[in-house]
Amino acid sequence: MFRAKLTSKGQITIPVAVRHRLNVQAGDDLLFDISPEGDIKLQALKRQRLTDLYSSLPASRPYPGKARVREEVAGEMGRRILKKEKDL
């Protein structure tokens, strides 16, 4: 059995063993289901993280690398800024 204390703001710290058992992390939601008898069921609603989606779709072209992508983005942003200045 685990114990947690309720703060004046209505918050509790979930014990580490319970967090591990529920496999919850910061940002996950918890669902409290209260039965008519007063029993409470706690369920974790996991958020889909972007890293979980990594490589879920096949790549249509090889990844050029982070440095190359940053260069392309910076170049495009520079072209847009120059175009705006010319239009003024």
N, C-alpha and C. Protein backbone atom coordinates (compact mmCIF):
# COMPACT_ATOMS: atom_id res chain seq x y z
N MET A 1 0.85 -1.17 0.00
CA MET A 1 0.00 0.00 0.00
C MET A 1 0.90 1.24 0.00
N PHE A 2 0.48 2.26 -0.72
CA PHE A 2 1.27 3.49 -0.83
C PHE A 2 0.48 4.65 -0.28
N ARG A 3 1.19 5.67 0.16
CA ARG A 3 0.56 6.82 0.79
C ARG A 3 1.05 8.10 0.13
N ALA A 4 0.13 9.06 -0.07
CA ALA A 4 0.46 10.37 -0.61
C ALA A 4 -0.36 11.41 0.14
N LYS A 5 0.19 12.61 0.26
CA LYS A 5 -0.49 13.67 0.99
C LYS A 5 -1.03 14.71 0.02
N LEU A 6 -2.24 15.18 0.24
CA LEU A 6 -2.88 16.20 -0.57
C LEU A 6 -2.43 17.57 -0.09
N THR A 7 -1.99 18.44 -1.04
CA THR A 7 -1.58 19.80 -0.67
C THR A 7 -2.80 20.71 -0.61
N SER A 8 -2.61 21.92 -0.12
CA SER A 8 -3.70 22.89 -0.05
C SER A 8 -4.20 23.28 -1.45
N LYS A 9 -3.39 23.04 -2.48
CA LYS A 9 -3.78 23.34 -3.86
C LYS A 9 -4.45 22.14 -4.54
N GLY A 10 -4.67 21.06 -3.80
CA GLY A 10 -5.32 19.88 -4.36
C GLY A 10 -4.39 19.00 -5.15
N GLN A 11 -3.10 19.10 -4.91
CA GLN A 11 -2.12 18.31 -5.66
C GLN A 11 -1.55 17.20 -4.78
N ILE A 12 -1.15 16.10 -5.45
CA ILE A 12 -0.46 15.03 -4.74
C ILE A 12 0.78 14.65 -5.53
N THR A 13 1.73 14.07 -4.83
CA THR A 13 2.88 13.49 -5.50
C THR A 13 2.66 11.99 -5.53
N ILE A 14 2.64 11.44 -6.72
CA ILE A 14 2.41 10.00 -6.87
C ILE A 14 3.71 9.29 -6.55
N PRO A 15 3.67 8.31 -5.65
CA PRO A 15 4.90 7.60 -5.28
C PRO A 15 5.58 6.97 -6.51
N VAL A 16 6.89 6.90 -6.46
CA VAL A 16 7.69 6.40 -7.57
C VAL A 16 7.23 5.01 -8.00
N ALA A 17 7.00 4.12 -7.06
CA ALA A 17 6.60 2.75 -7.41
C ALA A 17 5.27 2.74 -8.18
N VAL A 18 4.36 3.63 -7.83
CA VAL A 18 3.07 3.71 -8.53
C VAL A 18 3.28 4.28 -9.93
N ARG A 19 4.12 5.32 -10.06
CA ARG A 19 4.41 5.89 -11.38
C ARG A 19 5.04 4.84 -12.29
N HIS A 20 5.93 4.06 -11.76
CA HIS A 20 6.58 3.01 -12.56
C HIS A 20 5.56 1.96 -12.96
N ARG A 21 4.70 1.56 -12.01
CA ARG A 21 3.69 0.54 -12.30
C ARG A 21 2.70 1.01 -13.38
N LEU A 22 2.32 2.29 -13.34
CA LEU A 22 1.41 2.86 -14.33
C LEU A 22 2.15 3.26 -15.61
N ASN A 23 3.47 3.29 -15.54
CA ASN A 23 4.31 3.72 -16.66
C ASN A 23 3.94 5.14 -17.11
N VAL A 24 3.84 6.05 -16.14
CA VAL A 24 3.48 7.44 -16.45
C VAL A 24 4.70 8.34 -16.33
N GLN A 25 4.66 9.39 -17.14
CA GLN A 25 5.72 10.41 -17.13
C GLN A 25 5.07 11.77 -17.09
N ALA A 26 5.87 12.80 -16.89
CA ALA A 26 5.35 14.17 -16.88
C ALA A 26 4.62 14.43 -18.19
N GLY A 27 3.43 15.00 -18.11
CA GLY A 27 2.64 15.30 -19.29
C GLY A 27 1.56 14.28 -19.59
N ASP A 28 1.65 13.09 -18.99
CA ASP A 28 0.61 12.08 -19.18
C ASP A 28 -0.61 12.47 -18.34
N ASP A 29 -1.79 12.07 -18.80
CA ASP A 29 -3.02 12.33 -18.07
C ASP A 29 -3.42 11.10 -17.27
N LEU A 30 -4.12 11.33 -16.17
CA LEU A 30 -4.63 10.24 -15.34
C LEU A 30 -6.15 10.34 -15.31
N LEU A 31 -6.80 9.21 -15.43
CA LEU A 31 -8.25 9.14 -15.43
C LEU A 31 -8.70 8.50 -14.12
N PHE A 32 -9.58 9.19 -13.39
CA PHE A 32 -10.11 8.67 -12.14
C PHE A 32 -11.55 8.22 -12.39
N ASP A 33 -11.82 6.93 -12.21
CA ASP A 33 -13.15 6.38 -12.40
C ASP A 33 -13.69 6.00 -11.03
N ILE A 34 -14.77 6.66 -10.61
CA ILE A 34 -15.34 6.42 -9.28
C ILE A 34 -16.63 5.61 -9.45
N SER A 35 -16.67 4.46 -8.81
CA SER A 35 -17.86 3.60 -8.90
C SER A 35 -18.92 4.11 -7.92
N PRO A 36 -20.17 3.69 -8.10
CA PRO A 36 -21.23 4.11 -7.17
C PRO A 36 -20.93 3.68 -5.72
N GLU A 37 -20.17 2.62 -5.55
CA GLU A 37 -19.82 2.16 -4.20
C GLU A 37 -18.71 2.99 -3.58
N GLY A 38 -18.07 3.87 -4.37
CA GLY A 38 -17.01 4.72 -3.85
C GLY A 38 -15.61 4.23 -4.16
N ASP A 39 -15.52 3.09 -4.86
CA ASP A 39 -14.20 2.60 -5.26
C ASP A 39 -13.65 3.47 -6.38
N ILE A 40 -12.36 3.69 -6.36
CA ILE A 40 -11.74 4.54 -7.37
C ILE A 40 -10.76 3.72 -8.18
N LYS A 41 -10.88 3.83 -9.49
CA LYS A 41 -9.96 3.15 -10.41
C LYS A 41 -9.13 4.23 -11.09
N LEU A 42 -7.82 4.07 -11.08
CA LEU A 42 -6.90 5.03 -11.68
C LEU A 42 -6.33 4.43 -12.95
N GLN A 43 -6.42 5.19 -14.04
CA GLN A 43 -5.92 4.70 -15.32
C GLN A 43 -5.04 5.77 -15.96
N ALA A 44 -3.93 5.35 -16.53
CA ALA A 44 -3.02 6.28 -17.20
C ALA A 44 -3.44 6.43 -18.66
N LEU A 45 -3.51 7.66 -19.12
CA LEU A 45 -3.77 7.95 -20.53
C LEU A 45 -2.46 8.48 -21.10
N LYS A 46 -1.77 7.60 -21.81
CA LYS A 46 -0.45 7.94 -22.33
C LYS A 46 -0.56 8.90 -23.51
N ARG A 47 0.30 9.90 -23.53
CA ARG A 47 0.39 10.81 -24.66
C ARG A 47 1.31 10.22 -25.70
N GLN A 48 0.92 10.40 -26.94
CA GLN A 48 1.79 9.96 -28.04
C GLN A 48 2.93 10.96 -28.15
N ARG A 49 4.13 10.50 -28.01
CA ARG A 49 5.29 11.37 -28.12
C ARG A 49 5.84 11.31 -29.54
N LEU A 50 6.40 12.41 -29.97
CA LEU A 50 6.94 12.50 -31.32
C LEU A 50 8.01 11.44 -31.55
N THR A 51 8.81 11.17 -30.54
CA THR A 51 9.86 10.18 -30.69
C THR A 51 9.30 8.77 -30.88
N ASP A 52 8.06 8.53 -30.40
CA ASP A 52 7.43 7.23 -30.61
C ASP A 52 7.07 7.01 -32.08
N LEU A 53 6.92 8.09 -32.82
CA LEU A 53 6.53 7.99 -34.22
C LEU A 53 7.74 7.88 -35.15
N TYR A 54 8.94 8.01 -34.60
CA TYR A 54 10.15 7.97 -35.41
C TYR A 54 10.21 6.68 -36.22
N SER A 55 10.44 6.81 -37.47
CA SER A 55 10.57 5.73 -38.45
C SER A 55 9.29 4.92 -38.66
N SER A 56 8.13 5.49 -38.30
CA SER A 56 6.88 4.78 -38.54
C SER A 56 6.45 4.86 -39.99
N LEU A 57 6.95 5.85 -40.72
CA LEU A 57 6.69 5.97 -42.15
C LEU A 57 7.99 5.79 -42.91
N PRO A 58 7.93 5.14 -44.06
CA PRO A 58 9.17 4.96 -44.83
C PRO A 58 9.66 6.29 -45.39
N ALA A 59 10.95 6.47 -45.42
CA ALA A 59 11.54 7.69 -45.96
C ALA A 59 11.52 7.62 -47.49
N SER A 60 11.11 8.72 -48.11
CA SER A 60 11.07 8.76 -49.57
C SER A 60 12.41 9.18 -50.15
N ARG A 61 13.29 9.71 -49.29
CA ARG A 61 14.63 10.09 -49.73
C ARG A 61 15.56 10.00 -48.52
N PRO A 62 16.84 9.87 -48.73
CA PRO A 62 17.76 9.76 -47.60
C PRO A 62 17.84 11.07 -46.81
N TYR A 63 18.03 10.95 -45.53
CA TYR A 63 18.15 12.10 -44.65
C TYR A 63 19.54 12.70 -44.82
N PRO A 64 19.63 14.00 -45.20
CA PRO A 64 20.93 14.60 -45.47
C PRO A 64 21.73 14.96 -44.21
N GLY A 65 21.11 14.89 -43.06
CA GLY A 65 21.80 15.25 -41.82
C GLY A 65 21.29 16.57 -41.28
N LYS A 66 21.39 16.73 -39.96
CA LYS A 66 20.85 17.90 -39.28
C LYS A 66 21.51 19.20 -39.78
N ALA A 67 22.83 19.17 -39.97
CA ALA A 67 23.54 20.39 -40.39
C ALA A 67 23.06 20.85 -41.77
N ARG A 68 22.90 19.92 -42.68
CA ARG A 68 22.45 20.25 -44.04
C ARG A 68 21.02 20.82 -44.03
N VAL A 69 20.15 20.22 -43.23
CA VAL A 69 18.77 20.70 -43.13
C VAL A 69 18.76 22.12 -42.57
N ARG A 70 19.56 22.38 -41.54
CA ARG A 70 19.63 23.73 -40.97
C ARG A 70 20.14 24.75 -41.99
N GLU A 71 21.11 24.36 -42.80
CA GLU A 71 21.61 25.25 -43.85
C GLU A 71 20.50 25.58 -44.85
N GLU A 72 19.75 24.58 -45.26
CA GLU A 72 18.66 24.79 -46.21
C GLU A 72 17.60 25.72 -45.63
N VAL A 73 17.23 25.51 -44.39
CA VAL A 73 16.21 26.34 -43.75
C VAL A 73 16.72 27.78 -43.61
N ALA A 74 17.95 27.94 -43.16
CA ALA A 74 18.51 29.28 -43.00
C ALA A 74 18.59 29.99 -44.35
N GLY A 75 18.97 29.27 -45.39
CA GLY A 75 19.05 29.87 -46.72
C GLY A 75 17.69 30.32 -47.21
N GLU A 76 16.67 29.49 -47.01
CA GLU A 76 15.31 29.86 -47.42
C GLU A 76 14.79 31.05 -46.63
N MET A 77 15.06 31.07 -45.35
CA MET A 77 14.63 32.21 -44.53
C MET A 77 15.32 33.49 -44.98
N GLY A 78 16.61 33.40 -45.30
CA GLY A 78 17.35 34.56 -45.80
C GLY A 78 16.77 35.08 -47.10
N ARG A 79 16.42 34.17 -48.01
CA ARG A 79 15.83 34.58 -49.29
C ARG A 79 14.49 35.28 -49.07
N ARG A 80 13.70 34.78 -48.14
CA ARG A 80 12.40 35.41 -47.86
C ARG A 80 12.57 36.81 -47.27
N ILE A 81 13.53 36.96 -46.38
CA ILE A 81 13.78 38.27 -45.77
C ILE A 81 14.25 39.26 -46.83
N LEU A 82 15.18 38.84 -47.69
CA LEU A 82 15.65 39.72 -48.75
C LEU A 82 14.53 40.11 -49.70
N LYS A 83 13.64 39.18 -49.99
CA LYS A 83 12.52 39.46 -50.89
C LYS A 83 11.60 40.49 -50.27
N LYS A 84 11.32 40.37 -48.97
CA LYS A 84 10.45 41.33 -48.28
C LYS A 84 11.08 42.72 -48.29
N GLU A 85 12.40 42.80 -48.08
CA GLU A 85 13.07 44.10 -48.08
C GLU A 85 13.02 44.75 -49.47
N LYS A 86 13.13 43.97 -50.54
CA LYS A 86 13.05 44.49 -51.89
C LYS A 86 11.66 44.98 -52.20
N ASP A 87 10.64 44.31 -51.66
CA ASP A 87 9.26 44.69 -51.93
C ASP A 87 8.87 45.97 -51.22
N LEU A 88 9.60 46.34 -50.20
CA LEU A 88 9.27 47.57 -49.45
C LEU A 88 9.72 48.73 -50.25
